Amino acid sequence: MTALRERRVSLVSIPRRFLAILADAMRSSVAQLESSWGPAHLIVARSYKADSKPVAGEQVTFEQVLIDAGVPAEKRARLLAEAD
């Protein structure tokens, strides 16, 4: 969820079905979600103790985020499927 919130996931790699479910959960439309997707601005409320200012990383695919999160292959396949 953090990767989605911070828009680290490439929009084109997210299945339309998942986008529709996400938009519904956010009480939004897919069109609004798509238009707001872009490089995330750093959230001002966050505080970091580092020598340099944090920067937004480059976007990765939705599948890569699922792999990194340790989502089992069967569940990944369901999430990545376009049809119900």
PDB file of N, CA and C in Angstrom:
ATOM      1  N   MET A   1       0.821  -1.192   0.000  1.00  0.00           N
ATOM      2  CA  MET A   1       0.000   0.000   0.000  1.00  0.00           C
ATOM      3  C   MET A   1       0.867   1.259   0.000  1.00  0.00           C
ATOM      4  N   THR A   2       1.999   1.182   0.697  1.00  0.00           N
ATOM      5  CA  THR A   2       2.874   2.350   0.737  1.00  0.00           C
ATOM      6  C   THR A   2       3.388   2.684  -0.659  1.00  0.00           C
ATOM      7  N   ALA A   3       3.763   1.672  -1.418  1.00  0.00           N
ATOM      8  CA  ALA A   3       4.266   1.911  -2.774  1.00  0.00           C
ATOM      9  C   ALA A   3       3.200   2.559  -3.647  1.00  0.00           C
ATOM     10  N   LEU A   4       1.952   2.149  -3.469  1.00  0.00           N
ATOM     11  CA  LEU A   4       0.864   2.774  -4.228  1.00  0.00           C
ATOM     12  C   LEU A   4       0.636   4.200  -3.760  1.00  0.00           C
ATOM     13  N   ARG A   5       0.605   4.393  -2.454  1.00  0.00           N
ATOM     14  CA  ARG A   5       0.365   5.735  -1.905  1.00  0.00           C
ATOM     15  C   ARG A   5       1.437   6.713  -2.364  1.00  0.00           C
ATOM     16  N   GLU A   6       2.678   6.247  -2.387  1.00  0.00           N
ATOM     17  CA  GLU A   6       3.787   7.118  -2.780  1.00  0.00           C
ATOM     18  C   GLU A   6       4.014   7.122  -4.287  1.00  0.00           C
ATOM     19  N   ARG A   7       3.121   6.460  -5.012  1.00  0.00           N
ATOM     20  CA  ARG A   7       3.163   6.403  -6.484  1.00  0.00           C
ATOM     21  C   ARG A   7       4.493   5.876  -7.018  1.00  0.00           C
ATOM     22  N   ARG A   8       5.055   4.891  -6.307  1.00  0.00           N
ATOM     23  CA  ARG A   8       6.288   4.271  -6.786  1.00  0.00           C
ATOM     24  C   ARG A   8       6.009   3.184  -7.804  1.00  0.00           C
ATOM     25  N   VAL A   9       4.733   2.873  -8.017  1.00  0.00           N
ATOM     26  CA  VAL A   9       4.331   1.837  -8.959  1.00  0.00           C
ATOM     27  C   VAL A   9       3.952   2.492 -10.279  1.00  0.00           C
ATOM     28  N   SER A  10       4.479   1.940 -11.361  1.00  0.00           N
ATOM     29  CA  SER A  10       4.141   2.450 -12.688  1.00  0.00           C
ATOM     30  C   SER A  10       2.662   2.206 -12.951  1.00  0.00           C
ATOM     31  N   LEU A  11       1.933   3.245 -13.275  1.00  0.00           N
ATOM     32  CA  LEU A  11       0.493   3.161 -13.487  1.00  0.00           C
ATOM     33  C   LEU A  11       0.137   2.152 -14.580  1.00  0.00           C
ATOM     34  N   VAL A  12       0.896   2.121 -15.657  1.00  0.00           N
ATOM     35  CA  VAL A  12       0.577   1.221 -16.769  1.00  0.00           C
ATOM     36  C   VAL A  12       0.754  -0.252 -16.402  1.00  0.00           C
ATOM     37  N   SER A  13       1.454  -0.544 -15.312  1.00  0.00           N
ATOM     38  CA  SER A  13       1.667  -1.941 -14.921  1.00  0.00           C
ATOM     39  C   SER A  13       0.570  -2.459 -13.987  1.00  0.00           C
ATOM     40  N   ILE A  14      -0.342  -1.590 -13.564  1.00  0.00           N
ATOM     41  CA  ILE A  14      -1.410  -2.000 -12.655  1.00  0.00           C
ATOM     42  C   ILE A  14      -2.618  -2.434 -13.479  1.00  0.00           C
ATOM     43  N   PRO A  15      -3.105  -3.655 -13.262  1.00  0.00           N
ATOM     44  CA  PRO A  15      -4.282  -4.120 -14.012  1.00  0.00           C
ATOM     45  C   PRO A  15      -5.490  -3.211 -13.788  1.00  0.00           C
ATOM     46  N   ARG A  16      -6.286  -3.017 -14.844  1.00  0.00           N
ATOM     47  CA  ARG A  16      -7.459  -2.135 -14.773  1.00  0.00           C
ATOM     48  C   ARG A  16      -8.422  -2.586 -13.679  1.00  0.00           C
ATOM     49  N   ARG A  17      -8.583  -3.887 -13.515  1.00  0.00           N
ATOM     50  CA  ARG A  17      -9.496  -4.407 -12.501  1.00  0.00           C
ATOM     51  C   ARG A  17      -9.044  -3.972 -11.114  1.00  0.00           C
ATOM     52  N   PHE A  18      -7.734  -4.054 -10.858  1.00  0.00           N
ATOM     53  CA  PHE A  18      -7.197  -3.642  -9.564  1.00  0.00           C
ATOM     54  C   PHE A  18      -7.375  -2.137  -9.377  1.00  0.00           C
ATOM     55  N   LEU A  19      -7.147  -1.365 -10.449  1.00  0.00           N
ATOM     56  CA  LEU A  19      -7.334   0.088 -10.368  1.00  0.00           C
ATOM     57  C   LEU A  19      -8.777   0.436 -10.027  1.00  0.00           C
ATOM     58  N   ALA A  20      -9.723  -0.305 -10.609  1.00  0.00           N
ATOM     59  CA  ALA A  20     -11.137  -0.044 -10.330  1.00  0.00           C
ATOM     60  C   ALA A  20     -11.450  -0.324  -8.861  1.00  0.00           C
ATOM     61  N   ILE A  21     -10.909  -1.415  -8.334  1.00  0.00           N
ATOM     62  CA  ILE A  21     -11.134  -1.751  -6.925  1.00  0.00           C
ATOM     63  C   ILE A  21     -10.487  -0.699  -6.025  1.00  0.00           C
ATOM     64  N   LEU A  22      -9.275  -0.290  -6.364  1.00  0.00           N
ATOM     65  CA  LEU A  22      -8.568   0.727  -5.590  1.00  0.00           C
ATOM     66  C   LEU A  22      -9.323   2.054  -5.612  1.00  0.00           C
ATOM     67  N   ALA A  23      -9.769   2.452  -6.786  1.00  0.00           N
ATOM     68  CA  ALA A  23     -10.517   3.716  -6.908  1.00  0.00           C
ATOM     69  C   ALA A  23     -11.791   3.660  -6.078  1.00  0.00           C
ATOM     70  N   ASP A  24     -12.489   2.536  -6.121  1.00  0.00           N
ATOM     71  CA  ASP A  24     -13.709   2.384  -5.335  1.00  0.00           C
ATOM     72  C   ASP A  24     -13.403   2.490  -3.839  1.00  0.00           C
ATOM     73  N   ALA A  25     -12.333   1.852  -3.395  1.00  0.00           N
ATOM     74  CA  ALA A  25     -11.949   1.901  -1.983  1.00  0.00           C
ATOM     75  C   ALA A  25     -11.578   3.324  -1.558  1.00  0.00           C
ATOM     76  N   MET A  26     -11.078   4.105  -2.494  1.00  0.00           N
ATOM     77  CA  MET A  26     -10.688   5.483  -2.203  1.00  0.00           C
ATOM     78  C   MET A  26     -11.834   6.461  -2.446  1.00  0.00           C
ATOM     79  N   ARG A  27     -12.999   5.917  -2.793  1.00  0.00           N
ATOM     80  CA  ARG A  27     -14.175   6.735  -3.119  1.00  0.00           C
ATOM     81  C   ARG A  27     -13.854   7.744  -4.222  1.00  0.00           C
ATOM     82  N   SER A  28     -13.275   7.192  -5.267  1.00  0.00           N
ATOM     83  CA  SER A  28     -12.831   7.990  -6.399  1.00  0.00           C
ATOM     84  C   SER A  28     -13.191   7.231  -7.670  1.00  0.00           C
ATOM     85  N   SER A  29     -12.864   7.809  -8.797  1.00  0.00           N
ATOM     86  CA  SER A  29     -13.044   7.105 -10.072  1.00  0.00           C
ATOM     87  C   SER A  29     -11.674   6.726 -10.611  1.00  0.00           C
ATOM     88  N   VAL A  30     -11.666   5.781 -11.535  1.00  0.00           N
ATOM     89  CA  VAL A  30     -10.406   5.380 -12.157  1.00  0.00           C
ATOM     90  C   VAL A  30      -9.793   6.577 -12.882  1.00  0.00           C
ATOM     91  N   ALA A  31     -10.623   7.371 -13.536  1.00  0.00           N
ATOM     92  CA  ALA A  31     -10.131   8.554 -14.255  1.00  0.00           C
ATOM     93  C   ALA A  31      -9.449   9.540 -13.301  1.00  0.00           C
ATOM     94  N   GLN A  32     -10.054   9.775 -12.143  1.00  0.00           N
ATOM     95  CA  GLN A  32      -9.440  10.680 -11.164  1.00  0.00           C
ATOM     96  C   GLN A  32      -8.125  10.104 -10.649  1.00  0.00           C
ATOM     97  N   LEU A  33      -8.121   8.807 -10.409  1.00  0.00           N
ATOM     98  CA  LEU A  33      -6.911   8.147  -9.929  1.00  0.00           C
ATOM     99  C   LEU A  33      -5.795   8.272 -10.964  1.00  0.00           C
ATOM    100  N   GLU A  34      -6.130   8.008 -12.216  1.00  0.00           N
ATOM    101  CA  GLU A  34      -5.134   8.094 -13.289  1.00  0.00           C
ATOM    102  C   GLU A  34      -4.613   9.519 -13.462  1.00  0.00           C
ATOM    103  N   SER A  35      -5.496  10.501 -13.366  1.00  0.00           N
ATOM    104  CA  SER A  35      -5.051  11.885 -13.574  1.00  0.00           C
ATOM    105  C   SER A  35      -4.174  12.383 -12.427  1.00  0.00           C
ATOM    106  N   SER A  36      -4.352  11.805 -11.255  1.00  0.00           N
ATOM    107  CA  SER A  36      -3.541  12.246 -10.118  1.00  0.00           C
ATOM    108  C   SER A  36      -2.224  11.481 -10.002  1.00  0.00           C
ATOM    109  N   TRP A  37      -2.075  10.424 -10.807  1.00  0.00           N
ATOM    110  CA  TRP A  37      -0.870   9.593 -10.722  1.00  0.00           C
ATOM    111  C   TRP A  37       0.274  10.310 -11.396  1.00  0.00           C
ATOM    112  N   GLY A  38       1.356  10.415 -10.724  1.00  0.00           N
ATOM    113  CA  GLY A  38       2.544  11.062 -11.261  1.00  0.00           C
ATOM    114  C   GLY A  38       3.595  10.993 -10.188  1.00  0.00           C
ATOM    115  N   PRO A  39       4.684  11.671 -10.382  1.00  0.00           N
ATOM    116  CA  PRO A  39       5.712  11.642  -9.345  1.00  0.00           C
ATOM    117  C   PRO A  39       5.148  12.156  -8.028  1.00  0.00           C
ATOM    118  N   ALA A  40       5.323  11.384  -7.018  1.00  0.00           N
ATOM    119  CA  ALA A  40       4.806  11.780  -5.701  1.00  0.00           C
ATOM    120  C   ALA A  40       5.663  12.895  -5.123  1.00  0.00           C
ATOM    121  N   HIS A  41       4.996  13.820  -4.521  1.00  0.00           N
ATOM    122  CA  HIS A  41       5.717  14.874  -3.823  1.00  0.00           C
ATOM    123  C   HIS A  41       6.040  14.353  -2.429  1.00  0.00           C
ATOM    124  N   LEU A  42       7.170  14.718  -1.943  1.00  0.00           N
ATOM    125  CA  LEU A  42       7.535  14.265  -0.600  1.00  0.00           C
ATOM    126  C   LEU A  42       6.560  14.840   0.411  1.00  0.00           C
ATOM    127  N   ILE A  43       6.130  14.005   1.301  1.00  0.00           N
ATOM    128  CA  ILE A  43       5.168  14.429   2.305  1.00  0.00           C
ATOM    129  C   ILE A  43       5.896  15.276   3.347  1.00  0.00           C
ATOM    130  N   VAL A  44       5.379  16.480   3.552  1.00  0.00           N
ATOM    131  CA  VAL A  44       6.030  17.438   4.436  1.00  0.00           C
ATOM    132  C   VAL A  44       6.032  16.950   5.881  1.00  0.00           C
ATOM    133  N   ALA A  45       5.030  16.218   6.288  1.00  0.00           N
ATOM    134  CA  ALA A  45       4.916  15.793   7.677  1.00  0.00           C
ATOM    135  C   ALA A  45       5.988  14.777   8.073  1.00  0.00           C
ATOM    136  N   ARG A  46       6.618  14.167   7.110  1.00  0.00           N
ATOM    137  CA  ARG A  46       7.657  13.196   7.423  1.00  0.00           C
ATOM    138  C   ARG A  46       8.924  13.900   7.848  1.00  0.00           C
ATOM    139  N   SER A  47       9.623  13.254   8.722  1.00  0.00           N
ATOM    140  CA  SER A  47      10.875  13.817   9.178  1.00  0.00           C
ATOM    141  C   SER A  47      11.965  12.775   9.009  1.00  0.00           C
ATOM    142  N   TYR A  48      13.084  13.173   8.471  1.00  0.00           N
ATOM    143  CA  TYR A  48      14.188  12.260   8.213  1.00  0.00           C
ATOM    144  C   TYR A  48      15.452  12.803   8.871  1.00  0.00           C
ATOM    145  N   LYS A  49      16.222  11.900   9.395  1.00  0.00           N
ATOM    146  CA  LYS A  49      17.504  12.296   9.956  1.00  0.00           C
ATOM    147  C   LYS A  49      18.569  11.697   9.038  1.00  0.00           C
ATOM    148  N   ALA A  50      18.982  12.461   8.085  1.00  0.00           N
ATOM    149  CA  ALA A  50      19.955  11.981   7.108  1.00  0.00           C
ATOM    150  C   ALA A  50      20.810  13.155   6.656  1.00  0.00           C
ATOM    151  N   ASP A  51      21.927  12.822   6.036  1.00  0.00           N
ATOM    152  CA  ASP A  51      22.835  13.854   5.540  1.00  0.00           C
ATOM    153  C   ASP A  51      22.289  14.558   4.306  1.00  0.00           C
ATOM    154  N   SER A  52      21.440  13.845   3.546  1.00  0.00           N
ATOM    155  CA  SER A  52      20.902  14.467   2.341  1.00  0.00           C
ATOM    156  C   SER A  52      19.385  14.370   2.339  1.00  0.00           C
ATOM    157  N   LYS A  53      18.785  15.218   1.550  1.00  0.00           N
ATOM    158  CA  LYS A  53      17.336  15.262   1.443  1.00  0.00           C
ATOM    159  C   LYS A  53      16.847  14.003   0.721  1.00  0.00           C
ATOM    160  N   PRO A  54      15.782  13.362   1.201  1.00  0.00           N
ATOM    161  CA  PRO A  54      15.279  12.170   0.520  1.00  0.00           C
ATOM    162  C   PRO A  54      14.715  12.525  -0.849  1.00  0.00           C
ATOM    163  N   VAL A  55      14.866  11.617  -1.779  1.00  0.00           N
ATOM    164  CA  VAL A  55      14.341  11.820  -3.124  1.00  0.00           C
ATOM    165  C   VAL A  55      13.419  10.655  -3.467  1.00  0.00           C
ATOM    166  N   ALA A  56      12.485  10.906  -4.352  1.00  0.00           N
ATOM    167  CA  ALA A  56      11.579   9.848  -4.796  1.00  0.00           C
ATOM    168  C   ALA A  56      12.344   8.911  -5.717  1.00  0.00           C
ATOM    169  N   GLY A  57      12.233   7.618  -5.456  1.00  0.00           N
ATOM    170  CA  GLY A  57      12.884   6.625  -6.303  1.00  0.00           C
ATOM    171  C   GLY A  57      12.137   6.470  -7.612  1.00  0.00           C
ATOM    172  N   GLU A  58      12.742   5.741  -8.528  1.00  0.00           N
ATOM    173  CA  GLU A  58      12.061   5.551  -9.794  1.00  0.00           C
ATOM    174  C   GLU A  58      10.953   4.519  -9.647  1.00  0.00           C
ATOM    175  N   GLN A  59       9.996   4.581 -10.543  1.00  0.00           N
ATOM    176  CA  GLN A  59       8.848   3.697 -10.454  1.00  0.00           C
ATOM    177  C   GLN A  59       9.209   2.280 -10.865  1.00  0.00           C
ATOM    178  N   VAL A  60       8.530   1.323 -10.247  1.00  0.00           N
ATOM    179  CA  VAL A  60       8.702  -0.095 -10.559  1.00  0.00           C
ATOM    180  C   VAL A  60       7.341  -0.653 -10.961  1.00  0.00           C
ATOM    181  N   THR A  61       7.336  -1.878 -11.468  1.00  0.00           N
ATOM    182  CA  THR A  61       6.071  -2.477 -11.873  1.00  0.00           C
ATOM    183  C   THR A  61       5.301  -2.969 -10.654  1.00  0.00           C
ATOM    184  N   PHE A  62       4.006  -3.088 -10.838  1.00  0.00           N
ATOM    185  CA  PHE A  62       3.126  -3.597  -9.792  1.00  0.00           C
ATOM    186  C   PHE A  62       3.552  -5.016  -9.408  1.00  0.00           C
ATOM    187  N   GLU A  63       3.905  -5.816 -10.395  1.00  0.00           N
ATOM    188  CA  GLU A  63       4.344  -7.190 -10.119  1.00  0.00           C
ATOM    189  C   GLU A  63       5.604  -7.197  -9.259  1.00  0.00           C
ATOM    190  N   GLN A  64       6.543  -6.313  -9.523  1.00  0.00           N
ATOM    191  CA  GLN A  64       7.776  -6.262  -8.734  1.00  0.00           C
ATOM    192  C   GLN A  64       7.490  -5.887  -7.289  1.00  0.00           C
ATOM    193  N   VAL A  65       6.549  -4.983  -7.076  1.00  0.00           N
ATOM    194  CA  VAL A  65       6.171  -4.602  -5.710  1.00  0.00           C
ATOM    195  C   VAL A  65       5.591  -5.807  -4.983  1.00  0.00           C
ATOM    196  N   LEU A  66       4.758  -6.579  -5.684  1.00  0.00           N
ATOM    197  CA  LEU A  66       4.178  -7.775  -5.073  1.00  0.00           C
ATOM    198  C   LEU A  66       5.259  -8.800  -4.737  1.00  0.00           C
ATOM    199  N   ILE A  67       6.222  -8.979  -5.624  1.00  0.00           N
ATOM    200  CA  ILE A  67       7.328  -9.910  -5.382  1.00  0.00           C
ATOM    201  C   ILE A  67       8.137  -9.446  -4.179  1.00  0.00           C
ATOM    202  N   ASP A  68       8.478  -8.171  -4.146  1.00  0.00           N
ATOM    203  CA  ASP A  68       9.260  -7.617  -3.028  1.00  0.00           C
ATOM    204  C   ASP A  68       8.518  -7.740  -1.698  1.00  0.00           C
ATOM    205  N   ALA A  69       7.185  -7.705  -1.750  1.00  0.00           N
ATOM    206  CA  ALA A  69       6.376  -7.813  -0.539  1.00  0.00           C
ATOM    207  C   ALA A  69       6.196  -9.266  -0.095  1.00  0.00           C
ATOM    208  N   GLY A  70       6.699 -10.203  -0.898  1.00  0.00           N
ATOM    209  CA  GLY A  70       6.600 -11.608  -0.536  1.00  0.00           C
ATOM    210  C   GLY A  70       5.225 -12.215  -0.777  1.00  0.00           C
ATOM    211  N   VAL A  71       4.462 -11.646  -1.695  1.00  0.00           N
ATOM    212  CA  VAL A  71       3.139 -12.172  -2.013  1.00  0.00           C
ATOM    213  C   VAL A  71       3.326 -13.496  -2.768  1.00  0.00           C
ATOM    214  N   PRO A  72       2.664 -14.573  -2.317  1.00  0.00           N
ATOM    215  CA  PRO A  72       2.808 -15.873  -2.988  1.00  0.00           C
ATOM    216  C   PRO A  72       2.399 -15.809  -4.462  1.00  0.00           C
ATOM    217  N   ALA A  73       2.991 -16.671  -5.272  1.00  0.00           N
ATOM    218  CA  ALA A  73       2.778 -16.670  -6.725  1.00  0.00           C
ATOM    219  C   ALA A  73       1.304 -16.794  -7.094  1.00  0.00           C
ATOM    220  N   GLU A  74       0.558 -17.641  -6.391  1.00  0.00           N
ATOM    221  CA  GLU A  74      -0.857 -17.838  -6.721  1.00  0.00           C
ATOM    222  C   GLU A  74      -1.652 -16.544  -6.502  1.00  0.00           C
ATOM    223  N   LYS A  75      -1.387 -15.881  -5.406  1.00  0.00           N
ATOM    224  CA  LYS A  75      -2.095 -14.630  -5.109  1.00  0.00           C
ATOM    225  C   LYS A  75      -1.660 -13.532  -6.077  1.00  0.00           C
ATOM    226  N   ARG A  76      -0.366 -13.509  -6.430  1.00  0.00           N
ATOM    227  CA  ARG A  76       0.112 -12.537  -7.430  1.00  0.00           C
ATOM    228  C   ARG A  76      -0.622 -12.719  -8.725  1.00  0.00           C
ATOM    229  N   ALA A  77      -0.778 -13.969  -9.158  1.00  0.00           N
ATOM    230  CA  ALA A  77      -1.454 -14.242 -10.416  1.00  0.00           C
ATOM    231  C   ALA A  77      -2.898 -13.731 -10.379  1.00  0.00           C
ATOM    232  N   ARG A  78      -3.579 -13.917  -9.241  1.00  0.00           N
ATOM    233  CA  ARG A  78      -4.950 -13.414  -9.100  1.00  0.00           C
ATOM    234  C   ARG A  78      -4.986 -11.896  -9.158  1.00  0.00           C
ATOM    235  N   LEU A  79      -4.054 -11.235  -8.480  1.00  0.00           N
ATOM    236  CA  LEU A  79      -4.029  -9.776  -8.464  1.00  0.00           C
ATOM    237  C   LEU A  79      -3.675  -9.188  -9.826  1.00  0.00           C
ATOM    238  N   LEU A  80      -2.845  -9.896 -10.567  1.00  0.00           N
ATOM    239  CA  LEU A  80      -2.412  -9.392 -11.869  1.00  0.00           C
ATOM    240  C   LEU A  80      -3.385  -9.735 -12.990  1.00  0.00           C
ATOM    241  N   ALA A  81      -4.346 -10.619 -12.704  1.00  0.00           N
ATOM    242  CA  ALA A  81      -5.308 -11.015 -13.728  1.00  0.00           C
ATOM    243  C   ALA A  81      -6.233  -9.842 -14.060  1.00  0.00           C
ATOM    244  N   GLU A  82      -6.509  -9.690 -15.331  1.00  0.00           N
ATOM    245  CA  GLU A  82      -7.391  -8.615 -15.779  1.00  0.00           C
ATOM    246  C   GLU A  82      -8.859  -8.976 -15.576  1.00  0.00           C
ATOM    247  N   ALA A  83      -9.198 -10.228 -15.659  1.00  0.00           N
ATOM    248  CA  ALA A  83     -10.599 -10.651 -15.541  1.00  0.00           C
ATOM    249  C   ALA A  83     -10.863 -11.171 -14.126  1.00  0.00           C
ATOM    250  N   ASP A  84     -12.136 -11.183 -13.731  1.00  0.00           N
ATOM    251  CA  ASP A  84     -12.513 -11.694 -12.410  1.00  0.00           C
ATOM    252  C   ASP A  84     -12.272 -13.156 -12.308  1.00  0.00           C
TER     253      ASP A  84
END
